[in-house]
Amino acid sequence: MRKAIGKILKIGTLVSTWGLIAMVLLQIICRFSWFETPSWTEEASRILFIYAISFASGLALKSSNYYVALDAFYDRFGPKFKMFLDKSIPITIFLLFAVFAFYSIRFISLGIIEKSPSMGFNMGVSFCSMFIIGATLCYYAWHKIVKAFKRKDS
């Protein structure tokens, strides 16, 4: 299941990033040619950017080398405090994004009745990216919590 979730997130990141690149290229081509820029391209590129970030955020937590870390401070701490940080940071991430994911469901339901200004689809689709961020960060934070408490040095 973990591989399937990772694969879905990778595909979502790639599709939304390539879609974003295509929208920006379309805008550039239309602005420097005799074609009129479609009104929906700016909104589409914004939504594709948001989805690229939402799919990639879980993957970045999965491989922790992709988030900014303050190793200059972390390396100065003692082993007990490092162990405390290694356990408390994923717990904090999990709790914060569990609340975020929970309340994003209500936000999505409020967006269902709204329509996108230029594209005309329901805004719940756009707001769903918030749930993806919260759910995937909770999922990978939970795996980090389990891993941190299984270590032999704890």
N, C-alpha and C. Protein backbone atom coordinates (compact mmCIF):
# COMPACT_ATOMS: atom_id res chain seq x y z
N MET A 1 0.83 -1.20 0.00
CA MET A 1 0.00 0.00 0.00
C MET A 1 0.87 1.26 0.00
N ARG A 2 1.97 1.22 0.75
CA ARG A 2 2.85 2.38 0.83
C ARG A 2 3.44 2.72 -0.53
N LYS A 3 3.80 1.69 -1.30
CA LYS A 3 4.35 1.91 -2.64
C LYS A 3 3.29 2.51 -3.57
N ALA A 4 2.06 2.04 -3.44
CA ALA A 4 0.97 2.55 -4.29
C ALA A 4 0.70 4.02 -4.00
N ILE A 5 0.70 4.38 -2.72
CA ILE A 5 0.48 5.78 -2.36
C ILE A 5 1.62 6.65 -2.89
N GLY A 6 2.84 6.17 -2.72
CA GLY A 6 4.00 6.91 -3.24
C GLY A 6 3.94 7.07 -4.75
N LYS A 7 3.52 6.02 -5.44
CA LYS A 7 3.43 6.07 -6.90
C LYS A 7 2.34 7.06 -7.34
N ILE A 8 1.20 7.04 -6.66
CA ILE A 8 0.11 7.99 -6.98
C ILE A 8 0.58 9.42 -6.76
N LEU A 9 1.30 9.65 -5.67
CA LEU A 9 1.80 11.01 -5.39
C LEU A 9 2.83 11.44 -6.43
N LYS A 10 3.70 10.52 -6.85
CA LYS A 10 4.69 10.85 -7.89
C LYS A 10 4.02 11.18 -9.21
N ILE A 11 3.04 10.36 -9.59
CA ILE A 11 2.32 10.61 -10.85
C ILE A 11 1.56 11.93 -10.77
N GLY A 12 0.91 12.18 -9.63
CA GLY A 12 0.19 13.45 -9.45
C GLY A 12 1.11 14.65 -9.52
N THR A 13 2.29 14.52 -8.92
CA THR A 13 3.27 15.61 -8.96
C THR A 13 3.74 15.86 -10.39
N LEU A 14 4.05 14.78 -11.10
CA LEU A 14 4.53 14.93 -12.47
C LEU A 14 3.46 15.50 -13.40
N VAL A 15 2.25 14.98 -13.31
CA VAL A 15 1.17 15.44 -14.19
C VAL A 15 0.85 16.91 -13.92
N SER A 16 0.74 17.28 -12.66
CA SER A 16 0.41 18.68 -12.35
C SER A 16 1.57 19.62 -12.68
N THR A 17 2.81 19.17 -12.51
CA THR A 17 3.95 20.02 -12.86
C THR A 17 4.05 20.20 -14.37
N TRP A 18 3.87 19.12 -15.11
CA TRP A 18 3.90 19.24 -16.57
C TRP A 18 2.72 20.06 -17.07
N GLY A 19 1.57 19.92 -16.43
CA GLY A 19 0.43 20.75 -16.79
C GLY A 19 0.70 22.21 -16.53
N LEU A 20 1.35 22.51 -15.40
CA LEU A 20 1.72 23.88 -15.08
C LEU A 20 2.68 24.44 -16.13
N ILE A 21 3.67 23.65 -16.51
CA ILE A 21 4.63 24.10 -17.53
C ILE A 21 3.90 24.35 -18.85
N ALA A 22 2.98 23.47 -19.21
CA ALA A 22 2.23 23.65 -20.46
C ALA A 22 1.38 24.92 -20.42
N MET A 23 0.75 25.20 -19.27
CA MET A 23 -0.08 26.41 -19.17
C MET A 23 0.77 27.67 -19.27
N VAL A 24 1.92 27.67 -18.62
CA VAL A 24 2.79 28.85 -18.68
C VAL A 24 3.33 29.04 -20.09
N LEU A 25 3.71 27.94 -20.74
CA LEU A 25 4.18 28.04 -22.12
C LEU A 25 3.08 28.57 -23.05
N LEU A 26 1.86 28.09 -22.84
CA LEU A 26 0.73 28.58 -23.63
C LEU A 26 0.54 30.08 -23.43
N GLN A 27 0.66 30.54 -22.19
CA GLN A 27 0.53 31.97 -21.92
C GLN A 27 1.64 32.77 -22.61
N ILE A 28 2.86 32.25 -22.54
CA ILE A 28 3.99 32.96 -23.17
C ILE A 28 3.83 33.01 -24.68
N ILE A 29 3.49 31.87 -25.27
CA ILE A 29 3.32 31.82 -26.73
C ILE A 29 2.22 32.77 -27.17
N CYS A 30 1.11 32.78 -26.44
CA CYS A 30 -0.01 33.65 -26.82
C CYS A 30 0.31 35.13 -26.65
N ARG A 31 1.10 35.46 -25.66
CA ARG A 31 1.41 36.88 -25.43
C ARG A 31 2.37 37.43 -26.47
N PHE A 32 3.23 36.56 -27.01
CA PHE A 32 4.20 37.03 -28.00
C PHE A 32 3.81 36.65 -29.43
N SER A 33 2.55 36.34 -29.64
CA SER A 33 2.07 36.04 -30.99
C SER A 33 0.75 36.77 -31.20
N TRP A 34 0.12 36.51 -32.32
CA TRP A 34 -1.15 37.16 -32.63
C TRP A 34 -2.34 36.48 -31.97
N PHE A 35 -2.10 35.33 -31.29
CA PHE A 35 -3.18 34.63 -30.59
C PHE A 35 -3.55 35.39 -29.32
N GLU A 36 -4.81 35.32 -28.97
CA GLU A 36 -5.26 35.93 -27.71
C GLU A 36 -5.10 34.89 -26.60
N THR A 37 -4.55 35.30 -25.48
CA THR A 37 -4.35 34.38 -24.35
C THR A 37 -5.71 33.98 -23.78
N PRO A 38 -5.98 32.67 -23.67
CA PRO A 38 -7.25 32.24 -23.08
C PRO A 38 -7.36 32.72 -21.63
N SER A 39 -8.55 33.11 -21.23
CA SER A 39 -8.74 33.67 -19.90
C SER A 39 -8.55 32.65 -18.79
N TRP A 40 -8.70 31.39 -19.09
CA TRP A 40 -8.64 30.34 -18.07
C TRP A 40 -7.22 29.87 -17.76
N THR A 41 -6.21 30.27 -18.54
CA THR A 41 -4.87 29.71 -18.35
C THR A 41 -4.23 30.14 -17.03
N GLU A 42 -4.51 31.37 -16.60
CA GLU A 42 -3.92 31.84 -15.34
C GLU A 42 -4.48 31.05 -14.16
N GLU A 43 -5.78 30.85 -14.16
CA GLU A 43 -6.40 30.09 -13.08
C GLU A 43 -5.97 28.62 -13.12
N ALA A 44 -5.88 28.07 -14.31
CA ALA A 44 -5.44 26.67 -14.45
C ALA A 44 -4.02 26.50 -13.96
N SER A 45 -3.14 27.44 -14.29
CA SER A 45 -1.75 27.32 -13.83
C SER A 45 -1.66 27.46 -12.32
N ARG A 46 -2.48 28.31 -11.73
CA ARG A 46 -2.50 28.46 -10.27
C ARG A 46 -2.95 27.17 -9.60
N ILE A 47 -4.01 26.55 -10.11
CA ILE A 47 -4.52 25.31 -9.52
C ILE A 47 -3.52 24.17 -9.72
N LEU A 48 -2.91 24.10 -10.90
CA LEU A 48 -1.91 23.06 -11.14
C LEU A 48 -0.69 23.23 -10.23
N PHE A 49 -0.29 24.47 -9.96
CA PHE A 49 0.82 24.72 -9.04
C PHE A 49 0.46 24.25 -7.63
N ILE A 50 -0.76 24.56 -7.20
CA ILE A 50 -1.20 24.14 -5.86
C ILE A 50 -1.22 22.62 -5.77
N TYR A 51 -1.71 21.95 -6.79
CA TYR A 51 -1.74 20.49 -6.78
C TYR A 51 -0.33 19.89 -6.84
N ALA A 52 0.58 20.51 -7.58
CA ALA A 52 1.97 20.02 -7.60
C ALA A 52 2.57 20.06 -6.21
N ILE A 53 2.32 21.14 -5.48
CA ILE A 53 2.82 21.26 -4.11
C ILE A 53 2.13 20.25 -3.20
N SER A 54 0.83 20.07 -3.36
CA SER A 54 0.11 19.16 -2.46
C SER A 54 0.54 17.71 -2.66
N PHE A 55 0.77 17.30 -3.89
CA PHE A 55 1.24 15.93 -4.13
C PHE A 55 2.69 15.75 -3.66
N ALA A 56 3.52 16.76 -3.87
CA ALA A 56 4.94 16.64 -3.54
C ALA A 56 5.24 16.77 -2.06
N SER A 57 4.36 17.39 -1.29
CA SER A 57 4.66 17.62 0.13
C SER A 57 4.79 16.32 0.91
N GLY A 58 3.93 15.36 0.65
CA GLY A 58 4.04 14.07 1.32
C GLY A 58 5.31 13.34 0.92
N LEU A 59 5.65 13.42 -0.36
CA LEU A 59 6.88 12.77 -0.82
C LEU A 59 8.12 13.40 -0.20
N ALA A 60 8.07 14.70 0.03
CA ALA A 60 9.20 15.37 0.66
C ALA A 60 9.37 14.92 2.10
N LEU A 61 8.28 14.66 2.79
CA LEU A 61 8.39 14.18 4.17
C LEU A 61 8.82 12.72 4.19
N LYS A 62 8.42 11.96 3.18
CA LYS A 62 8.81 10.55 3.09
C LYS A 62 10.33 10.43 3.05
N SER A 63 10.96 11.23 2.20
CA SER A 63 12.42 11.26 2.15
C SER A 63 12.85 12.58 2.77
N SER A 64 13.16 12.54 4.03
CA SER A 64 13.32 13.77 4.83
C SER A 64 14.44 14.68 4.35
N ASN A 65 15.21 14.28 3.38
CA ASN A 65 16.28 15.14 2.89
C ASN A 65 15.76 16.32 2.08
N TYR A 66 14.46 16.37 1.79
CA TYR A 66 13.92 17.40 0.93
C TYR A 66 13.36 18.60 1.68
N TYR A 67 13.22 18.52 2.99
CA TYR A 67 12.79 19.67 3.76
C TYR A 67 14.00 20.34 4.39
N VAL A 68 13.88 21.61 4.65
CA VAL A 68 14.97 22.36 5.25
C VAL A 68 15.19 21.86 6.67
N ALA A 69 16.43 21.59 6.99
CA ALA A 69 16.78 21.15 8.34
C ALA A 69 17.90 22.05 8.85
N LEU A 70 17.86 22.31 10.12
CA LEU A 70 18.89 23.15 10.73
C LEU A 70 19.93 22.25 11.40
N ASP A 71 20.71 21.57 10.58
CA ASP A 71 21.71 20.63 11.09
C ASP A 71 22.78 21.31 11.93
N ALA A 72 23.04 22.58 11.68
CA ALA A 72 24.05 23.30 12.47
C ALA A 72 23.64 23.33 13.94
N PHE A 73 22.34 23.46 14.21
CA PHE A 73 21.86 23.44 15.59
C PHE A 73 21.69 22.01 16.08
N TYR A 74 21.11 21.17 15.25
CA TYR A 74 20.81 19.78 15.63
C TYR A 74 22.08 19.03 16.03
N ASP A 75 23.16 19.24 15.31
CA ASP A 75 24.41 18.53 15.59
C ASP A 75 25.04 18.95 16.92
N ARG A 76 24.67 20.09 17.44
CA ARG A 76 25.23 20.58 18.71
C ARG A 76 24.51 20.00 19.93
N PHE A 77 23.34 19.41 19.72
CA PHE A 77 22.58 18.86 20.84
C PHE A 77 23.14 17.52 21.26
N GLY A 78 22.84 17.17 22.51
CA GLY A 78 23.23 15.87 23.04
C GLY A 78 22.35 14.76 22.49
N PRO A 79 22.77 13.51 22.68
CA PRO A 79 22.02 12.39 22.12
C PRO A 79 20.60 12.25 22.67
N LYS A 80 20.40 12.57 23.96
CA LYS A 80 19.05 12.46 24.53
C LYS A 80 18.10 13.49 23.94
N PHE A 81 18.60 14.72 23.74
CA PHE A 81 17.74 15.75 23.17
C PHE A 81 17.47 15.47 21.69
N LYS A 82 18.47 14.92 20.98
CA LYS A 82 18.27 14.53 19.59
C LYS A 82 17.19 13.45 19.49
N MET A 83 17.22 12.51 20.43
CA MET A 83 16.21 11.45 20.44
C MET A 83 14.83 12.04 20.71
N PHE A 84 14.77 13.01 21.63
CA PHE A 84 13.51 13.69 21.91
C PHE A 84 12.99 14.40 20.67
N LEU A 85 13.86 15.11 19.96
CA LEU A 85 13.46 15.82 18.74
C LEU A 85 13.03 14.84 17.65
N ASP A 86 13.75 13.74 17.52
CA ASP A 86 13.41 12.75 16.49
C ASP A 86 12.04 12.13 16.72
N LYS A 87 11.58 12.15 17.96
CA LYS A 87 10.24 11.62 18.26
C LYS A 87 9.18 12.71 18.28
N SER A 88 9.51 13.87 18.80
CA SER A 88 8.49 14.91 18.97
C SER A 88 8.15 15.65 17.68
N ILE A 89 9.10 15.82 16.78
CA ILE A 89 8.82 16.54 15.54
C ILE A 89 7.80 15.81 14.68
N PRO A 90 7.96 14.49 14.43
CA PRO A 90 6.91 13.81 13.64
C PRO A 90 5.55 13.79 14.34
N ILE A 91 5.54 13.70 15.67
CA ILE A 91 4.27 13.73 16.40
C ILE A 91 3.59 15.08 16.21
N THR A 92 4.36 16.15 16.30
CA THR A 92 3.82 17.50 16.11
C THR A 92 3.30 17.68 14.69
N ILE A 93 4.06 17.20 13.71
CA ILE A 93 3.62 17.28 12.31
C ILE A 93 2.31 16.51 12.15
N PHE A 94 2.26 15.32 12.71
CA PHE A 94 1.04 14.50 12.59
C PHE A 94 -0.16 15.21 13.20
N LEU A 95 -0.01 15.74 14.40
CA LEU A 95 -1.14 16.40 15.07
C LEU A 95 -1.61 17.64 14.31
N LEU A 96 -0.68 18.46 13.88
CA LEU A 96 -1.04 19.68 13.17
C LEU A 96 -1.76 19.37 11.85
N PHE A 97 -1.23 18.43 11.10
CA PHE A 97 -1.84 18.15 9.81
C PHE A 97 -3.06 17.26 9.91
N ALA A 98 -3.24 16.55 11.02
CA ALA A 98 -4.50 15.84 11.23
C ALA A 98 -5.64 16.84 11.43
N VAL A 99 -5.37 17.89 12.20
CA VAL A 99 -6.36 18.96 12.37
C VAL A 99 -6.61 19.65 11.03
N PHE A 100 -5.54 19.91 10.30
CA PHE A 100 -5.63 20.55 8.99
C PHE A 100 -6.48 19.71 8.03
N ALA A 101 -6.22 18.41 7.97
CA ALA A 101 -6.98 17.52 7.07
C ALA A 101 -8.44 17.44 7.49
N PHE A 102 -8.68 17.37 8.80
CA PHE A 102 -10.05 17.28 9.29
C PHE A 102 -10.87 18.51 8.88
N TYR A 103 -10.32 19.69 9.08
CA TYR A 103 -11.06 20.90 8.75
C TYR A 103 -11.07 21.20 7.26
N SER A 104 -10.15 20.60 6.51
CA SER A 104 -10.19 20.81 5.06
C SER A 104 -11.40 20.12 4.43
N ILE A 105 -11.89 19.05 5.06
CA ILE A 105 -13.08 18.37 4.55
C ILE A 105 -14.27 19.31 4.58
N ARG A 106 -14.41 20.06 5.64
CA ARG A 106 -15.51 21.04 5.72
C ARG A 106 -15.33 22.14 4.69
N PHE A 107 -14.10 22.55 4.50
CA PHE A 107 -13.81 23.59 3.51
C PHE A 107 -14.14 23.10 2.10
N ILE A 108 -13.84 21.84 1.81
CA ILE A 108 -14.17 21.27 0.51
C ILE A 108 -15.68 21.26 0.30
N SER A 109 -16.41 20.86 1.34
CA SER A 109 -17.87 20.82 1.21
C SER A 109 -18.45 22.22 1.01
N LEU A 110 -17.84 23.23 1.60
CA LEU A 110 -18.30 24.60 1.36
C LEU A 110 -17.98 25.04 -0.08
N GLY A 111 -16.90 24.52 -0.64
CA GLY A 111 -16.50 24.90 -2.00
C GLY A 111 -17.30 24.22 -3.09
N ILE A 112 -18.04 23.18 -2.73
CA ILE A 112 -18.82 22.47 -3.74
C ILE A 112 -19.87 23.37 -4.38
N ILE A 113 -20.43 24.28 -3.61
CA ILE A 113 -21.48 25.15 -4.16
C ILE A 113 -20.91 26.33 -4.94
N GLU A 114 -19.60 26.59 -4.81
CA GLU A 114 -18.97 27.69 -5.53
C GLU A 114 -18.51 27.22 -6.90
N LYS A 115 -18.46 28.13 -7.83
CA LYS A 115 -17.94 27.82 -9.18
C LYS A 115 -16.67 28.62 -9.42
N SER A 116 -15.76 28.02 -10.14
CA SER A 116 -14.52 28.68 -10.53
C SER A 116 -14.84 29.85 -11.46
N PRO A 117 -14.22 31.02 -11.24
CA PRO A 117 -14.58 32.20 -12.03
C PRO A 117 -14.38 32.03 -13.54
N SER A 118 -13.24 31.53 -13.97
CA SER A 118 -13.00 31.49 -15.42
C SER A 118 -13.17 30.11 -16.02
N MET A 119 -13.01 29.07 -15.23
CA MET A 119 -13.08 27.71 -15.77
C MET A 119 -14.44 27.07 -15.56
N GLY A 120 -15.20 27.53 -14.55
CA GLY A 120 -16.56 27.08 -14.35
C GLY A 120 -16.74 25.75 -13.63
N PHE A 121 -15.67 25.13 -13.12
CA PHE A 121 -15.87 23.89 -12.37
C PHE A 121 -16.05 24.20 -10.89
N ASN A 122 -16.48 23.21 -10.14
CA ASN A 122 -16.76 23.45 -8.72
C ASN A 122 -15.45 23.57 -7.93
N MET A 123 -15.42 24.53 -7.02
CA MET A 123 -14.20 24.86 -6.28
C MET A 123 -13.81 23.79 -5.27
N GLY A 124 -14.70 22.85 -4.98
CA GLY A 124 -14.33 21.73 -4.11
C GLY A 124 -13.18 20.94 -4.70
N VAL A 125 -13.10 20.89 -6.02
CA VAL A 125 -11.99 20.21 -6.69
C VAL A 125 -10.68 20.92 -6.37
N SER A 126 -10.70 22.22 -6.43
CA SER A 126 -9.50 23.00 -6.11
C SER A 126 -9.12 22.87 -4.64
N PHE A 127 -10.12 22.93 -3.76
CA PHE A 127 -9.87 22.88 -2.32
C PHE A 127 -9.44 21.49 -1.85
N CYS A 128 -9.68 20.48 -2.67
CA CYS A 128 -9.30 19.10 -2.32
C CYS A 128 -7.79 18.97 -2.13
N SER A 129 -7.03 19.87 -2.73
CA SER A 129 -5.57 19.83 -2.57
C SER A 129 -5.17 20.00 -1.11
N MET A 130 -5.96 20.72 -0.33
CA MET A 130 -5.66 20.90 1.10
C MET A 130 -5.77 19.56 1.83
N PHE A 131 -6.78 18.77 1.49
CA PHE A 131 -6.92 17.46 2.12
C PHE A 131 -5.76 16.54 1.73
N ILE A 132 -5.34 16.63 0.47
CA ILE A 132 -4.21 15.80 0.02
C ILE A 132 -2.96 16.13 0.82
N ILE A 133 -2.69 17.41 1.02
CA ILE A 133 -1.52 17.81 1.82
C ILE A 133 -1.63 17.25 3.23
N GLY A 134 -2.76 17.49 3.88
CA GLY A 134 -2.93 17.04 5.26
C GLY A 134 -2.86 15.53 5.40
N ALA A 135 -3.55 14.81 4.53
CA ALA A 135 -3.59 13.35 4.63
C ALA A 135 -2.23 12.72 4.35
N THR A 136 -1.54 13.20 3.32
CA THR A 136 -0.24 12.58 3.00
C THR A 136 0.83 12.92 4.02
N LEU A 137 0.79 14.14 4.55
CA LEU A 137 1.77 14.47 5.59
C LEU A 137 1.49 13.68 6.87
N CYS A 138 0.22 13.46 7.20
CA CYS A 138 -0.12 12.61 8.35
C CYS A 138 0.35 11.18 8.11
N TYR A 139 0.13 10.68 6.92
CA TYR A 139 0.51 9.31 6.59
C TYR A 139 2.02 9.09 6.76
N TYR A 140 2.82 9.97 6.18
CA TYR A 140 4.27 9.80 6.27
C TYR A 140 4.81 10.19 7.64
N ALA A 141 4.16 11.11 8.33
CA ALA A 141 4.57 11.44 9.70
C ALA A 141 4.31 10.24 10.61
N TRP A 142 3.20 9.55 10.39
CA TRP A 142 2.90 8.35 11.18
C TRP A 142 3.98 7.28 10.99
N HIS A 143 4.43 7.10 9.77
CA HIS A 143 5.51 6.14 9.52
C HIS A 143 6.80 6.57 10.22
N LYS A 144 7.07 7.86 10.26
CA LYS A 144 8.26 8.35 10.97
C LYS A 144 8.12 8.15 12.48
N ILE A 145 6.91 8.32 13.01
CA ILE A 145 6.67 8.10 14.44
C ILE A 145 6.94 6.64 14.79
N VAL A 146 6.37 5.74 14.01
CA VAL A 146 6.56 4.31 14.25
C VAL A 146 8.03 3.95 14.18
N LYS A 147 8.72 4.48 13.18
CA LYS A 147 10.15 4.21 13.00
C LYS A 147 10.97 4.76 14.17
N ALA A 148 10.61 5.95 14.64
CA ALA A 148 11.36 6.57 15.75
C ALA A 148 11.21 5.78 17.04
N PHE A 149 10.03 5.21 17.28
CA PHE A 149 9.81 4.47 18.52
C PHE A 149 10.27 3.02 18.44
N LYS A 150 10.57 2.53 17.23
CA LYS A 150 11.10 1.17 17.07
C LYS A 150 12.61 1.09 17.20
N ARG A 151 13.27 2.25 17.15
CA ARG A 151 14.73 2.25 17.24
C ARG A 151 15.20 1.64 18.54
N LYS A 152 16.33 0.98 18.51
CA LYS A 152 16.87 0.31 19.69
C LYS A 152 17.43 1.29 20.71
N ASP A 153 17.84 2.48 20.27
CA ASP A 153 18.44 3.44 21.20
C ASP A 153 17.39 4.24 21.98
N SER A 154 16.10 3.91 21.82
CA SER A 154 15.07 4.67 22.54
C SER A 154 14.77 4.11 23.87
